[in-house]
Amino acid sequence: MTRRTIVVGVDFSPPSRKALEAAIGLARDASAGLVLVHVFAERPTGVGHGSFEGQKILQTLRRMSDRDEVVRLTTEWAEKARAEEVEVEPVACDGDPAESILQEAARRHAALIVVGTHGWGLLRRLVLGSVAARVVRQADVPVLVVPWRDE
């Protein structure tokens, strides 16, 4: 029998911690495995501040530092799942967060995607969109959106 997979989008924020906790409970109850997906999204650099090459170097250095922190946090969060006797595999990739989470879910034939929400206001969500909202709109499998605050 093929083990079910739950994909969890994590950015190591309080909302994604709540999403992980919910996913661990679901995985334990359903005898499913977890895939923790962290996406390194391109961050805008200050336009007009320094040369283009200088900005690229700073962005590369920031990304290397971020990767070290992600390895540390992913290990810590994976251990939390393993302590609950849940199999977990971390994945870190570059790209658009929503697209990357959806691609990983498709690649793994996930039964469920779990994401947290920051609970930003309606106006900001309408203008910028949110990863959670985009995942819900585009997913081919059920998506559990875990609110950060109990609303």
N, C-alpha and C. Protein backbone atom coordinates (compact mmCIF):
# COMPACT_ATOMS: atom_id res chain seq x y z
N MET A 1 0.84 -1.18 0.00
CA MET A 1 0.00 0.00 0.00
C MET A 1 0.89 1.24 0.00
N THR A 2 0.55 2.21 -0.84
CA THR A 2 1.30 3.45 -0.93
C THR A 2 0.92 4.36 0.24
N ARG A 3 1.94 4.90 0.87
CA ARG A 3 1.71 5.80 2.00
C ARG A 3 1.20 7.14 1.48
N ARG A 4 0.17 7.67 2.13
CA ARG A 4 -0.35 8.98 1.77
C ARG A 4 0.66 10.06 2.15
N THR A 5 0.63 11.14 1.40
CA THR A 5 1.55 12.24 1.64
C THR A 5 0.78 13.53 1.84
N ILE A 6 1.22 14.30 2.83
CA ILE A 6 0.70 15.63 3.09
C ILE A 6 1.85 16.61 2.86
N VAL A 7 1.62 17.58 1.99
CA VAL A 7 2.62 18.61 1.72
C VAL A 7 2.29 19.82 2.59
N VAL A 8 3.31 20.32 3.28
CA VAL A 8 3.12 21.47 4.18
C VAL A 8 4.05 22.59 3.71
N GLY A 9 3.46 23.73 3.36
CA GLY A 9 4.26 24.89 3.00
C GLY A 9 4.72 25.58 4.28
N VAL A 10 6.04 25.76 4.42
CA VAL A 10 6.56 26.40 5.63
C VAL A 10 7.50 27.55 5.27
N ASP A 11 7.34 28.65 6.01
CA ASP A 11 8.28 29.76 5.90
C ASP A 11 8.86 30.09 7.28
N PHE A 12 8.59 29.21 8.24
CA PHE A 12 9.10 29.29 9.61
C PHE A 12 8.53 30.46 10.41
N SER A 13 7.41 30.97 9.96
CA SER A 13 6.69 32.02 10.68
C SER A 13 5.73 31.36 11.67
N PRO A 14 5.17 32.12 12.61
CA PRO A 14 4.16 31.55 13.51
C PRO A 14 2.98 30.89 12.77
N PRO A 15 2.47 31.50 11.67
CA PRO A 15 1.38 30.80 10.96
C PRO A 15 1.80 29.44 10.40
N SER A 16 3.03 29.35 9.88
CA SER A 16 3.43 28.05 9.33
C SER A 16 3.72 27.05 10.44
N ARG A 17 4.10 27.52 11.62
CA ARG A 17 4.26 26.62 12.76
C ARG A 17 2.92 26.00 13.14
N LYS A 18 1.86 26.83 13.14
CA LYS A 18 0.52 26.28 13.41
C LYS A 18 0.09 25.29 12.34
N ALA A 19 0.44 25.59 11.09
CA ALA A 19 0.11 24.67 9.99
C ALA A 19 0.83 23.35 10.18
N LEU A 20 2.10 23.41 10.58
CA LEU A 20 2.87 22.19 10.83
C LEU A 20 2.23 21.36 11.95
N GLU A 21 1.84 22.03 13.02
CA GLU A 21 1.22 21.31 14.14
C GLU A 21 -0.05 20.60 13.69
N ALA A 22 -0.87 21.28 12.89
CA ALA A 22 -2.09 20.66 12.37
C ALA A 22 -1.75 19.48 11.46
N ALA A 23 -0.74 19.66 10.60
CA ALA A 23 -0.36 18.61 9.67
C ALA A 23 0.20 17.39 10.40
N ILE A 24 0.95 17.61 11.47
CA ILE A 24 1.48 16.49 12.24
C ILE A 24 0.34 15.65 12.81
N GLY A 25 -0.65 16.32 13.37
CA GLY A 25 -1.81 15.60 13.91
C GLY A 25 -2.54 14.80 12.85
N LEU A 26 -2.75 15.42 11.69
CA LEU A 26 -3.43 14.73 10.60
C LEU A 26 -2.61 13.54 10.09
N ALA A 27 -1.31 13.76 9.93
CA ALA A 27 -0.44 12.69 9.43
C ALA A 27 -0.40 11.53 10.40
N ARG A 28 -0.32 11.83 11.67
CA ARG A 28 -0.28 10.76 12.69
C ARG A 28 -1.58 9.96 12.64
N ASP A 29 -2.71 10.65 12.58
CA ASP A 29 -4.01 9.98 12.59
C ASP A 29 -4.27 9.18 11.30
N ALA A 30 -3.72 9.66 10.19
CA ALA A 30 -3.96 9.01 8.89
C ALA A 30 -2.81 8.12 8.44
N SER A 31 -1.80 7.95 9.30
CA SER A 31 -0.61 7.19 8.93
C SER A 31 -0.01 7.70 7.62
N ALA A 32 0.09 9.01 7.53
CA ALA A 32 0.63 9.65 6.32
C ALA A 32 2.02 10.21 6.62
N GLY A 33 2.75 10.48 5.57
CA GLY A 33 4.04 11.13 5.71
C GLY A 33 3.92 12.61 5.38
N LEU A 34 4.85 13.40 5.88
CA LEU A 34 4.86 14.83 5.61
C LEU A 34 6.03 15.20 4.70
N VAL A 35 5.78 16.18 3.85
CA VAL A 35 6.85 16.81 3.08
C VAL A 35 6.79 18.29 3.43
N LEU A 36 7.85 18.79 4.08
CA LEU A 36 7.92 20.21 4.43
C LEU A 36 8.56 20.95 3.26
N VAL A 37 7.84 21.91 2.69
CA VAL A 37 8.35 22.64 1.53
C VAL A 37 8.62 24.09 1.91
N HIS A 38 9.89 24.47 1.80
CA HIS A 38 10.27 25.87 2.00
C HIS A 38 10.78 26.39 0.66
N VAL A 39 10.30 27.58 0.29
CA VAL A 39 10.67 28.15 -1.00
C VAL A 39 11.45 29.45 -0.78
N PHE A 40 12.63 29.51 -1.39
CA PHE A 40 13.42 30.74 -1.38
C PHE A 40 12.88 31.62 -2.50
N ALA A 41 12.09 32.60 -2.15
CA ALA A 41 11.53 33.51 -3.14
C ALA A 41 12.51 34.65 -3.37
N GLU A 42 12.56 35.13 -4.60
CA GLU A 42 13.40 36.29 -4.89
C GLU A 42 12.88 37.47 -4.08
N ARG A 43 13.79 38.17 -3.43
CA ARG A 43 13.41 39.36 -2.69
C ARG A 43 13.83 40.59 -3.48
N PRO A 44 12.94 41.59 -3.54
CA PRO A 44 13.35 42.79 -4.27
C PRO A 44 14.49 43.49 -3.54
N THR A 45 15.40 44.04 -4.30
CA THR A 45 16.47 44.82 -3.70
C THR A 45 16.13 46.29 -3.90
N GLY A 46 16.80 47.13 -3.17
CA GLY A 46 16.53 48.56 -3.27
C GLY A 46 16.84 49.08 -4.66
N VAL A 47 15.84 49.55 -5.36
CA VAL A 47 16.02 50.06 -6.71
C VAL A 47 16.79 51.37 -6.62
N GLY A 48 17.81 51.49 -7.43
CA GLY A 48 18.57 52.73 -7.47
C GLY A 48 19.64 52.81 -6.39
N HIS A 49 19.81 51.81 -5.55
CA HIS A 49 20.82 51.83 -4.50
C HIS A 49 21.94 50.90 -4.90
N GLY A 50 23.03 51.48 -5.38
CA GLY A 50 24.17 50.64 -5.76
C GLY A 50 24.01 50.11 -7.16
N SER A 51 25.06 49.47 -7.62
CA SER A 51 25.05 48.90 -8.97
C SER A 51 24.23 47.62 -8.99
N PHE A 52 23.84 47.24 -10.20
CA PHE A 52 23.11 45.99 -10.38
C PHE A 52 23.95 44.82 -9.88
N GLU A 53 25.25 44.80 -10.24
CA GLU A 53 26.14 43.72 -9.80
C GLU A 53 26.26 43.70 -8.28
N GLY A 54 26.38 44.87 -7.66
CA GLY A 54 26.47 44.95 -6.20
C GLY A 54 25.21 44.39 -5.54
N GLN A 55 24.07 44.71 -6.12
CA GLN A 55 22.81 44.19 -5.58
C GLN A 55 22.76 42.68 -5.70
N LYS A 56 23.23 42.14 -6.83
CA LYS A 56 23.23 40.69 -7.02
C LYS A 56 24.15 40.00 -6.01
N ILE A 57 25.30 40.59 -5.72
CA ILE A 57 26.22 40.02 -4.74
C ILE A 57 25.58 40.02 -3.36
N LEU A 58 24.97 41.15 -2.98
CA LEU A 58 24.30 41.22 -1.68
C LEU A 58 23.18 40.19 -1.58
N GLN A 59 22.42 40.05 -2.66
CA GLN A 59 21.32 39.09 -2.67
C GLN A 59 21.86 37.66 -2.54
N THR A 60 22.96 37.35 -3.18
CA THR A 60 23.57 36.03 -3.09
C THR A 60 24.04 35.76 -1.67
N LEU A 61 24.70 36.74 -1.04
CA LEU A 61 25.16 36.57 0.33
C LEU A 61 23.98 36.38 1.29
N ARG A 62 22.92 37.15 1.10
CA ARG A 62 21.73 37.03 1.95
C ARG A 62 21.11 35.64 1.78
N ARG A 63 21.07 35.17 0.53
CA ARG A 63 20.48 33.86 0.26
C ARG A 63 21.30 32.74 0.91
N MET A 64 22.64 32.85 0.87
CA MET A 64 23.48 31.83 1.50
C MET A 64 23.22 31.79 3.00
N SER A 65 23.11 32.94 3.62
CA SER A 65 22.81 33.02 5.05
C SER A 65 21.43 32.42 5.33
N ASP A 66 20.47 32.76 4.49
CA ASP A 66 19.11 32.22 4.64
C ASP A 66 19.13 30.70 4.53
N ARG A 67 19.89 30.15 3.62
CA ARG A 67 19.93 28.71 3.43
C ARG A 67 20.46 27.99 4.68
N ASP A 68 21.47 28.56 5.30
CA ASP A 68 21.99 27.97 6.53
C ASP A 68 20.92 27.95 7.61
N GLU A 69 20.19 29.04 7.73
CA GLU A 69 19.13 29.13 8.73
C GLU A 69 18.00 28.15 8.40
N VAL A 70 17.67 28.01 7.12
CA VAL A 70 16.61 27.07 6.71
C VAL A 70 17.00 25.64 7.05
N VAL A 71 18.26 25.28 6.82
CA VAL A 71 18.71 23.93 7.17
C VAL A 71 18.52 23.70 8.67
N ARG A 72 18.91 24.67 9.47
CA ARG A 72 18.77 24.55 10.92
C ARG A 72 17.30 24.43 11.32
N LEU A 73 16.47 25.32 10.81
CA LEU A 73 15.04 25.31 11.18
C LEU A 73 14.32 24.07 10.64
N THR A 74 14.66 23.66 9.43
CA THR A 74 14.02 22.47 8.87
C THR A 74 14.34 21.24 9.71
N THR A 75 15.58 21.13 10.13
CA THR A 75 15.97 20.01 10.99
C THR A 75 15.19 20.04 12.29
N GLU A 76 15.08 21.21 12.88
CA GLU A 76 14.34 21.37 14.14
C GLU A 76 12.86 21.01 13.95
N TRP A 77 12.25 21.51 12.88
CA TRP A 77 10.82 21.25 12.65
C TRP A 77 10.58 19.79 12.28
N ALA A 78 11.49 19.19 11.53
CA ALA A 78 11.35 17.78 11.17
C ALA A 78 11.44 16.90 12.42
N GLU A 79 12.32 17.26 13.33
CA GLU A 79 12.44 16.49 14.59
C GLU A 79 11.14 16.55 15.39
N LYS A 80 10.44 17.68 15.33
CA LYS A 80 9.15 17.79 16.02
C LYS A 80 8.16 16.76 15.47
N ALA A 81 8.15 16.59 14.15
CA ALA A 81 7.26 15.61 13.52
C ALA A 81 7.71 14.19 13.86
N ARG A 82 9.01 13.96 13.80
CA ARG A 82 9.53 12.62 14.09
C ARG A 82 9.26 12.22 15.55
N ALA A 83 9.26 13.20 16.45
CA ALA A 83 8.96 12.92 17.85
C ALA A 83 7.52 12.42 18.01
N GLU A 84 6.67 12.77 17.06
CA GLU A 84 5.28 12.31 17.05
C GLU A 84 5.13 11.05 16.19
N GLU A 85 6.27 10.44 15.83
CA GLU A 85 6.32 9.23 15.01
C GLU A 85 5.70 9.41 13.63
N VAL A 86 5.98 10.58 13.04
CA VAL A 86 5.53 10.89 11.69
C VAL A 86 6.76 10.99 10.80
N GLU A 87 6.72 10.27 9.67
CA GLU A 87 7.81 10.37 8.70
C GLU A 87 7.76 11.75 8.06
N VAL A 88 8.91 12.36 7.88
CA VAL A 88 8.94 13.70 7.31
C VAL A 88 10.15 13.85 6.41
N GLU A 89 9.95 14.57 5.31
CA GLU A 89 11.04 14.87 4.39
C GLU A 89 11.03 16.36 4.10
N PRO A 90 12.13 17.04 4.37
CA PRO A 90 12.20 18.47 4.05
C PRO A 90 12.62 18.69 2.60
N VAL A 91 12.06 19.74 1.99
CA VAL A 91 12.41 20.13 0.64
C VAL A 91 12.59 21.64 0.63
N ALA A 92 13.69 22.12 0.09
CA ALA A 92 13.91 23.55 -0.08
C ALA A 92 14.19 23.79 -1.56
N CYS A 93 13.56 24.81 -2.11
CA CYS A 93 13.74 25.09 -3.53
C CYS A 93 13.61 26.59 -3.77
N ASP A 94 14.02 27.01 -4.95
CA ASP A 94 13.88 28.40 -5.37
C ASP A 94 12.62 28.53 -6.21
N GLY A 95 12.03 29.71 -6.19
CA GLY A 95 10.91 29.96 -7.07
C GLY A 95 9.78 30.72 -6.40
N ASP A 96 8.65 30.65 -7.06
CA ASP A 96 7.44 31.27 -6.54
C ASP A 96 6.86 30.33 -5.48
N PRO A 97 6.58 30.82 -4.27
CA PRO A 97 6.11 29.92 -3.21
C PRO A 97 4.87 29.10 -3.56
N ALA A 98 3.82 29.74 -4.04
CA ALA A 98 2.59 29.00 -4.34
C ALA A 98 2.83 27.97 -5.44
N GLU A 99 3.48 28.38 -6.52
CA GLU A 99 3.74 27.45 -7.62
C GLU A 99 4.61 26.27 -7.17
N SER A 100 5.61 26.56 -6.36
CA SER A 100 6.52 25.50 -5.90
C SER A 100 5.81 24.50 -4.99
N ILE A 101 4.96 25.00 -4.11
CA ILE A 101 4.19 24.11 -3.23
C ILE A 101 3.27 23.23 -4.08
N LEU A 102 2.60 23.82 -5.06
CA LEU A 102 1.70 23.06 -5.92
C LEU A 102 2.47 22.02 -6.76
N GLN A 103 3.64 22.40 -7.27
CA GLN A 103 4.44 21.46 -8.06
C GLN A 103 4.91 20.29 -7.21
N GLU A 104 5.33 20.58 -5.97
CA GLU A 104 5.78 19.50 -5.09
C GLU A 104 4.62 18.57 -4.74
N ALA A 105 3.45 19.14 -4.51
CA ALA A 105 2.27 18.32 -4.22
C ALA A 105 1.94 17.41 -5.40
N ALA A 106 2.01 17.96 -6.60
CA ALA A 106 1.73 17.15 -7.80
C ALA A 106 2.79 16.05 -7.96
N ARG A 107 4.05 16.42 -7.77
CA ARG A 107 5.14 15.45 -7.92
C ARG A 107 5.02 14.30 -6.92
N ARG A 108 4.53 14.61 -5.73
CA ARG A 108 4.41 13.60 -4.66
C ARG A 108 3.06 12.91 -4.66
N HIS A 109 2.17 13.30 -5.55
CA HIS A 109 0.80 12.78 -5.56
C HIS A 109 0.18 12.96 -4.17
N ALA A 110 0.32 14.15 -3.64
CA ALA A 110 -0.14 14.45 -2.28
C ALA A 110 -1.65 14.30 -2.16
N ALA A 111 -2.06 13.84 -1.00
CA ALA A 111 -3.49 13.72 -0.70
C ALA A 111 -4.04 15.02 -0.14
N LEU A 112 -3.14 15.87 0.38
CA LEU A 112 -3.56 17.11 1.05
C LEU A 112 -2.39 18.08 1.06
N ILE A 113 -2.72 19.37 0.98
CA ILE A 113 -1.74 20.45 1.17
C ILE A 113 -2.19 21.22 2.41
N VAL A 114 -1.23 21.55 3.27
CA VAL A 114 -1.53 22.34 4.46
C VAL A 114 -0.67 23.60 4.42
N VAL A 115 -1.31 24.75 4.57
CA VAL A 115 -0.60 26.02 4.62
C VAL A 115 -1.18 26.87 5.74
N GLY A 116 -0.35 27.74 6.26
CA GLY A 116 -0.82 28.70 7.25
C GLY A 116 -1.16 30.00 6.57
N THR A 117 -1.88 30.84 7.29
CA THR A 117 -2.20 32.16 6.76
C THR A 117 -1.83 33.20 7.79
N HIS A 118 -1.26 34.29 7.31
CA HIS A 118 -0.85 35.38 8.20
C HIS A 118 -2.05 36.20 8.65
N GLY A 119 -3.18 36.04 7.98
CA GLY A 119 -4.37 36.80 8.36
C GLY A 119 -4.26 38.27 8.00
N TRP A 120 -3.54 38.57 6.92
CA TRP A 120 -3.43 39.96 6.49
C TRP A 120 -4.80 40.46 6.06
N GLY A 121 -4.97 41.74 6.06
CA GLY A 121 -6.24 42.36 5.71
C GLY A 121 -6.65 42.10 4.28
N LEU A 122 -7.92 42.28 4.03
CA LEU A 122 -8.51 42.03 2.72
C LEU A 122 -7.86 42.88 1.64
N LEU A 123 -7.63 44.15 1.90
CA LEU A 123 -7.05 45.04 0.89
C LEU A 123 -5.68 44.55 0.45
N ARG A 124 -4.82 44.22 1.41
CA ARG A 124 -3.47 43.75 1.06
C ARG A 124 -3.55 42.44 0.27
N ARG A 125 -4.46 41.55 0.68
CA ARG A 125 -4.60 40.28 -0.02
C ARG A 125 -5.10 40.49 -1.45
N LEU A 126 -6.03 41.45 -1.64
CA LEU A 126 -6.55 41.72 -2.98
C LEU A 126 -5.47 42.30 -3.89
N VAL A 127 -4.65 43.17 -3.33
CA VAL A 127 -3.61 43.81 -4.14
C VAL A 127 -2.45 42.87 -4.39
N LEU A 128 -1.95 42.23 -3.33
CA LEU A 128 -0.75 41.41 -3.44
C LEU A 128 -1.05 39.93 -3.63
N GLY A 129 -2.21 39.50 -3.20
CA GLY A 129 -2.50 38.08 -3.19
C GLY A 129 -1.81 37.45 -2.00
N SER A 130 -2.07 36.21 -1.73
CA SER A 130 -1.37 35.52 -0.66
C SER A 130 -1.03 34.13 -1.17
N VAL A 131 0.02 33.57 -0.61
CA VAL A 131 0.41 32.23 -1.01
C VAL A 131 -0.74 31.27 -0.74
N ALA A 132 -1.33 31.36 0.45
CA ALA A 132 -2.42 30.45 0.80
C ALA A 132 -3.59 30.57 -0.18
N ALA A 133 -3.97 31.80 -0.51
CA ALA A 133 -5.10 32.01 -1.43
C ALA A 133 -4.79 31.45 -2.81
N ARG A 134 -3.56 31.64 -3.28
CA ARG A 134 -3.19 31.11 -4.60
C ARG A 134 -3.16 29.60 -4.60
N VAL A 135 -2.67 29.00 -3.51
CA VAL A 135 -2.64 27.55 -3.43
C VAL A 135 -4.07 27.00 -3.45
N VAL A 136 -4.96 27.61 -2.68
CA VAL A 136 -6.35 27.16 -2.65
C VAL A 136 -6.98 27.24 -4.03
N ARG A 137 -6.78 28.36 -4.72
CA ARG A 137 -7.39 28.55 -6.04
C ARG A 137 -6.86 27.57 -7.08
N GLN A 138 -5.59 27.19 -6.99
CA GLN A 138 -4.97 26.43 -8.07
C GLN A 138 -4.75 24.94 -7.77
N ALA A 139 -5.01 24.53 -6.56
CA ALA A 139 -4.70 23.14 -6.17
C ALA A 139 -5.66 22.14 -6.80
N ASP A 140 -5.11 20.96 -7.10
CA ASP A 140 -5.91 19.85 -7.61
C ASP A 140 -6.31 18.88 -6.49
N VAL A 141 -5.84 19.16 -5.27
CA VAL A 141 -6.15 18.33 -4.10
C VAL A 141 -6.68 19.24 -3.00
N PRO A 142 -7.31 18.66 -1.97
CA PRO A 142 -7.80 19.50 -0.88
C PRO A 142 -6.67 20.29 -0.21
N VAL A 143 -7.01 21.48 0.25
CA VAL A 143 -6.05 22.35 0.94
C VAL A 143 -6.65 22.73 2.28
N LEU A 144 -5.88 22.54 3.33
CA LEU A 144 -6.27 22.99 4.66
C LEU A 144 -5.50 24.27 4.95
N VAL A 145 -6.23 25.36 5.15
CA VAL A 145 -5.62 26.64 5.49
C VAL A 145 -5.81 26.84 6.99
N VAL A 146 -4.70 26.91 7.70
CA VAL A 146 -4.72 27.03 9.16
C VAL A 146 -4.51 28.49 9.51
N PRO A 147 -5.51 29.12 10.16
CA PRO A 147 -5.34 30.53 10.54
C PRO A 147 -4.32 30.68 11.66
N TRP A 148 -3.59 31.77 11.61
CA TRP A 148 -2.58 32.03 12.64
C TRP A 148 -3.25 32.30 13.98
N ARG A 149 -4.22 33.17 13.94
CA ARG A 149 -4.96 33.51 15.16
C ARG A 149 -6.29 32.77 15.13
N ASP A 150 -6.77 32.40 16.29
CA ASP A 150 -8.11 31.80 16.35
C ASP A 150 -9.12 32.90 16.14
N GLU A 151 -9.71 32.92 14.94
CA GLU A 151 -10.61 34.02 14.58
C GLU A 151 -12.04 33.67 14.85
